[in-house]
Amino acid sequence: MRQLLEHRRRLRDEIVALPRVGQREVLGAIEEARRYRLSGTQAARTPPEMSRAELIRRLKWRIDAAGLEESAAGVRALDRAKRAHAVTLQRLSHRGTGRR
C-alpha cells in the first residue's frame, strides 16, 4: 500500500513538469497496464489528442484510480520521459556552444 501511495504522489508531483509528449507516454503506459490487468491483452494504443489541461486532468484521474501495477508502469514511463527530456535539453544547450 505504501508503494502505491508513493508512486501516485510521485506521478502527481512530477507529470506537470514534463513536456506534453512525456505526459502522453505516461498516460499511455498507465492505460496499457490497466487494459492488461482487466483483459489480459497488452495492445498499445496512443491516447487521443487533447489539450494540455485535458491531458493533465485525465492523467490525475487515472493516477488516482490506478492500482500498483498501473502506477508502477506510470513511474517507469515517467523515468524514461524525464531521461529523454534531459537528453533533448542537453543537446539544445550544446547547439549554441558548438560542442557535441
Protein backbone atom coordinates (compact mmCIF):
# COMPACT_ATOMS: atom_id res chain seq x y z
CA MET A 1 0.00 0.00 0.00
CA ARG A 2 2.82 2.37 0.87
CA GLN A 3 4.49 1.80 -2.50
CA LEU A 4 1.22 2.52 -4.33
CA LEU A 5 0.80 5.81 -2.46
CA GLU A 6 4.43 6.76 -3.14
CA HIS A 7 4.01 6.03 -6.88
CA ARG A 8 0.83 8.10 -7.01
CA ARG A 9 2.43 11.02 -5.16
CA ARG A 10 5.48 10.98 -7.39
CA LEU A 11 3.41 10.82 -10.57
CA ARG A 12 1.12 13.66 -9.47
CA ASP A 13 4.07 15.85 -8.47
CA GLU A 14 6.29 15.23 -11.49
CA ILE A 15 3.99 14.97 -14.52
CA VAL A 16 3.31 18.70 -14.63
CA ALA A 17 7.00 19.42 -15.37
CA LEU A 18 7.12 17.04 -18.32
CA PRO A 19 6.57 18.16 -21.88
CA ARG A 20 3.28 17.07 -23.43
CA VAL A 21 4.91 14.17 -25.29
CA GLY A 22 6.18 12.75 -22.00
CA GLN A 23 2.79 13.20 -20.37
CA ARG A 24 1.15 11.27 -23.21
CA GLU A 25 3.71 8.46 -22.77
CA VAL A 26 2.92 8.22 -19.05
CA LEU A 27 -0.82 8.18 -19.73
CA GLY A 28 -0.37 5.53 -22.43
CA ALA A 29 1.68 3.32 -20.09
CA ILE A 30 -0.90 3.59 -17.29
CA GLU A 31 -3.78 2.81 -19.65
CA GLU A 32 -1.90 -0.09 -21.26
CA ALA A 33 -1.19 -1.63 -17.83
CA ARG A 34 -4.86 -1.18 -16.91
CA ARG A 35 -6.05 -2.89 -20.10
CA TYR A 36 -3.66 -5.76 -19.45
CA ARG A 37 -4.90 -6.16 -15.88
CA LEU A 38 -8.56 -6.09 -16.94
CA SER A 39 -8.49 -8.13 -20.16
CA GLY A 40 -5.13 -9.88 -20.28
CA THR A 41 -4.18 -8.22 -23.57
CA GLN A 42 -1.45 -5.69 -23.97
CA ALA A 43 -2.32 -3.77 -27.11
CA ALA A 44 -0.52 -0.45 -27.28
CA ARG A 45 -2.80 2.46 -28.12
CA THR A 46 -1.89 6.10 -28.28
CA PRO A 47 -4.13 8.35 -26.20
CA PRO A 48 -6.29 10.69 -28.31
CA GLU A 49 -5.17 14.26 -28.98
CA MET A 50 -6.22 16.65 -26.24
CA SER A 51 -5.21 19.98 -24.81
CA ARG A 52 -2.56 20.13 -22.11
CA ALA A 53 -5.22 20.88 -19.46
CA GLU A 54 -7.32 17.90 -20.58
CA LEU A 55 -4.24 15.68 -20.58
CA ILE A 56 -3.28 16.70 -17.02
CA ARG A 57 -6.87 16.21 -15.84
CA ARG A 58 -7.05 12.73 -17.40
CA LEU A 59 -3.63 11.79 -16.02
CA LYS A 60 -4.58 12.82 -12.50
CA TRP A 61 -7.84 10.92 -12.75
CA ARG A 62 -6.02 7.77 -13.97
CA ILE A 63 -3.34 8.13 -11.30
CA ASP A 64 -5.94 8.36 -8.52
CA ALA A 65 -7.69 5.24 -9.86
CA ALA A 66 -4.50 3.28 -10.60
CA GLY A 67 -3.57 0.09 -8.84
CA LEU A 68 0.01 -0.88 -8.02
CA GLU A 69 0.80 -2.32 -11.48
CA GLU A 70 -0.60 0.72 -13.29
CA SER A 71 1.22 3.16 -11.03
CA ALA A 72 4.49 1.23 -11.40
CA ALA A 73 4.11 1.32 -15.20
CA GLY A 74 3.46 5.06 -14.96
CA VAL A 75 6.60 5.62 -12.86
CA ARG A 76 8.72 3.64 -15.35
CA ALA A 77 7.30 5.73 -18.22
CA LEU A 78 7.88 8.90 -16.18
CA ASP A 79 11.54 8.00 -15.67
CA ARG A 80 12.00 7.25 -19.39
CA ALA A 81 10.32 10.52 -20.36
CA LYS A 82 12.43 12.53 -17.90
CA ARG A 83 15.65 10.98 -19.26
CA ALA A 84 14.59 11.69 -22.85
CA HIS A 85 13.70 15.27 -21.95
CA ALA A 86 17.06 15.78 -20.20
CA VAL A 87 18.93 14.49 -23.26
CA THR A 88 16.96 16.82 -25.53
CA LEU A 89 17.70 19.81 -23.30
CA GLN A 90 21.38 18.88 -23.20
CA ARG A 91 21.54 18.67 -26.99
CA LEU A 92 19.81 22.02 -27.33
CA SER A 93 22.21 23.67 -24.90
CA HIS A 94 25.23 22.34 -26.82
CA ARG A 95 23.94 23.68 -30.16
CA GLY A 96 24.77 27.23 -29.30
CA THR A 97 28.27 26.42 -27.98
CA GLY A 98 29.43 24.37 -30.95
CA ARG A 99 30.07 21.31 -28.74
CA ARG A 100 28.52 17.90 -29.30
